[in-house]
Amino acid sequence: MTYRAELSPEVIRQLAGIPEQARFALAETLSVIVADPHDPTTSEPTPDPRIRQAVFGGVGLVEYLIWDELLVVVAVDLVWGG
């Protein structure tokens, strides 16, 4: 089952400060994540078992919350090094 991706208000604010290319890279990464947000080949665990992180655009990192019961992933934080 495919999950739905959502962006937290914090991520929406963070997106204003990164280049358009990085926003597209984030969208591409989220499109992979929604297929299987727990996939260890596309993301890494964090200390919180409901939150994982994935690299996007080669120099960005997105942390996302997984709501399995709702089939939703919510991007909760971005780090952009570009």
C-alpha atoms as a PDB file:
ATOM      1  CA  MET A   1       0.000   0.000   0.000  1.00  0.00           C
ATOM      2  CA  THR A   2       1.196   3.454  -0.831  1.00  0.00           C
ATOM      3  CA  TYR A   3       1.304   6.044   1.925  1.00  0.00           C
ATOM      4  CA  ARG A   4       0.365   9.689   1.485  1.00  0.00           C
ATOM      5  CA  ALA A   5       3.084  12.312   2.039  1.00  0.00           C
ATOM      6  CA  GLU A   6       2.400  15.517   3.949  1.00  0.00           C
ATOM      7  CA  LEU A   7       4.603  18.441   4.947  1.00  0.00           C
ATOM      8  CA  SER A   8       4.595  19.893   8.446  1.00  0.00           C
ATOM      9  CA  PRO A   9       4.285  23.680   8.829  1.00  0.00           C
ATOM     10  CA  GLU A  10       7.982  23.738   9.818  1.00  0.00           C
ATOM     11  CA  VAL A  11       9.021  22.017   6.588  1.00  0.00           C
ATOM     12  CA  ILE A  12       6.880  24.391   4.542  1.00  0.00           C
ATOM     13  CA  ARG A  13       8.751  27.303   6.153  1.00  0.00           C
ATOM     14  CA  GLN A  14      12.103  25.600   5.547  1.00  0.00           C
ATOM     15  CA  LEU A  15      11.310  25.053   1.864  1.00  0.00           C
ATOM     16  CA  ALA A  16      11.200  28.805   1.313  1.00  0.00           C
ATOM     17  CA  GLY A  17      14.937  28.955   1.952  1.00  0.00           C
ATOM     18  CA  ILE A  18      16.178  26.223  -0.356  1.00  0.00           C
ATOM     19  CA  PRO A  19      16.631  26.232  -4.148  1.00  0.00           C
ATOM     20  CA  GLU A  20      13.966  24.952  -6.509  1.00  0.00           C
ATOM     21  CA  GLN A  21      16.215  22.034  -7.506  1.00  0.00           C
ATOM     22  CA  ALA A  22      16.311  20.902  -3.868  1.00  0.00           C
ATOM     23  CA  ARG A  23      12.514  21.109  -3.610  1.00  0.00           C
ATOM     24  CA  PHE A  24      12.232  18.842  -6.654  1.00  0.00           C
ATOM     25  CA  ALA A  25      14.768  16.435  -5.127  1.00  0.00           C
ATOM     26  CA  LEU A  26      12.729  16.344  -1.913  1.00  0.00           C
ATOM     27  CA  ALA A  27       9.573  15.587  -3.900  1.00  0.00           C
ATOM     28  CA  GLU A  28      11.353  12.744  -5.705  1.00  0.00           C
ATOM     29  CA  THR A  29      12.605  11.305  -2.415  1.00  0.00           C
ATOM     30  CA  LEU A  30       9.167  11.508  -0.831  1.00  0.00           C
ATOM     31  CA  SER A  31       7.690   9.730  -3.855  1.00  0.00           C
ATOM     32  CA  VAL A  32      10.044   6.812  -3.148  1.00  0.00           C
ATOM     33  CA  ILE A  33       9.409   6.891   0.605  1.00  0.00           C
ATOM     34  CA  VAL A  34       5.628   6.631   0.266  1.00  0.00           C
ATOM     35  CA  ALA A  35       6.006   3.240  -1.436  1.00  0.00           C
ATOM     36  CA  ASP A  36       7.584   1.813   1.752  1.00  0.00           C
ATOM     37  CA  PRO A  37       8.541   4.311   4.471  1.00  0.00           C
ATOM     38  CA  HIS A  38      10.273   1.605   6.523  1.00  0.00           C
ATOM     39  CA  ASP A  39      12.554   0.448   3.677  1.00  0.00           C
ATOM     40  CA  PRO A  40      16.131   0.284   5.016  1.00  0.00           C
ATOM     41  CA  THR A  41      17.549   0.814   1.509  1.00  0.00           C
ATOM     42  CA  THR A  42      15.970   4.267   1.165  1.00  0.00           C
ATOM     43  CA  SER A  43      16.003   5.595   4.736  1.00  0.00           C
ATOM     44  CA  GLU A  44      17.678   5.300   8.118  1.00  0.00           C
ATOM     45  CA  PRO A  45      16.161   4.875  11.570  1.00  0.00           C
ATOM     46  CA  THR A  46      16.393   7.504  14.291  1.00  0.00           C
ATOM     47  CA  PRO A  47      16.183   7.020  18.076  1.00  0.00           C
ATOM     48  CA  ASP A  48      12.390   7.438  17.772  1.00  0.00           C
ATOM     49  CA  PRO A  49      11.044   4.308  16.032  1.00  0.00           C
ATOM     50  CA  ARG A  50       8.258   6.309  14.332  1.00  0.00           C
ATOM     51  CA  ILE A  51      10.713   8.754  12.738  1.00  0.00           C
ATOM     52  CA  ARG A  52      13.120   7.914   9.930  1.00  0.00           C
ATOM     53  CA  GLN A  53      15.442  10.044   7.821  1.00  0.00           C
ATOM     54  CA  ALA A  54      16.408  10.019   4.166  1.00  0.00           C
ATOM     55  CA  VAL A  55      18.915  11.879   2.025  1.00  0.00           C
ATOM     56  CA  PHE A  56      17.600  14.020  -0.832  1.00  0.00           C
ATOM     57  CA  GLY A  57      19.391  15.930  -3.555  1.00  0.00           C
ATOM     58  CA  GLY A  58      22.747  14.547  -2.442  1.00  0.00           C
ATOM     59  CA  VAL A  59      23.175  17.095   0.355  1.00  0.00           C
ATOM     60  CA  GLY A  60      19.795  17.330   2.074  1.00  0.00           C
ATOM     61  CA  LEU A  61      18.218  15.298   4.839  1.00  0.00           C
ATOM     62  CA  VAL A  62      14.516  14.935   5.558  1.00  0.00           C
ATOM     63  CA  GLU A  63      13.156  13.469   8.768  1.00  0.00           C
ATOM     64  CA  TYR A  64       9.674  12.055   8.545  1.00  0.00           C
ATOM     65  CA  LEU A  65       7.099  10.675  10.937  1.00  0.00           C
ATOM     66  CA  ILE A  66       5.344   7.456   9.939  1.00  0.00           C
ATOM     67  CA  TRP A  67       1.681   6.992  10.831  1.00  0.00           C
ATOM     68  CA  ASP A  68       1.127   3.393   9.796  1.00  0.00           C
ATOM     69  CA  GLU A  69      -2.448   3.366  11.028  1.00  0.00           C
ATOM     70  CA  LEU A  70      -3.309   6.280   8.691  1.00  0.00           C
ATOM     71  CA  LEU A  71      -0.927   5.345   5.846  1.00  0.00           C
ATOM     72  CA  VAL A  72       0.650   8.812   6.094  1.00  0.00           C
ATOM     73  CA  VAL A  73       4.227  10.050   6.278  1.00  0.00           C
ATOM     74  CA  VAL A  74       4.795  13.605   7.475  1.00  0.00           C
ATOM     75  CA  ALA A  75       8.037  15.400   6.663  1.00  0.00           C
ATOM     76  CA  VAL A  76       8.846  17.074   9.996  1.00  0.00           C
ATOM     77  CA  ASP A  77      12.322  18.571   9.478  1.00  0.00           C
ATOM     78  CA  LEU A  78      14.806  19.394   6.708  1.00  0.00           C
ATOM     79  CA  VAL A  79      18.525  19.987   6.733  1.00  0.00           C
ATOM     80  CA  TRP A  80      19.963  21.403   3.529  1.00  0.00           C
ATOM     81  CA  GLY A  81      23.692  21.689   3.025  1.00  0.00           C
ATOM     82  CA  GLY A  82      23.702  22.958  -0.560  1.00  0.00           C
END
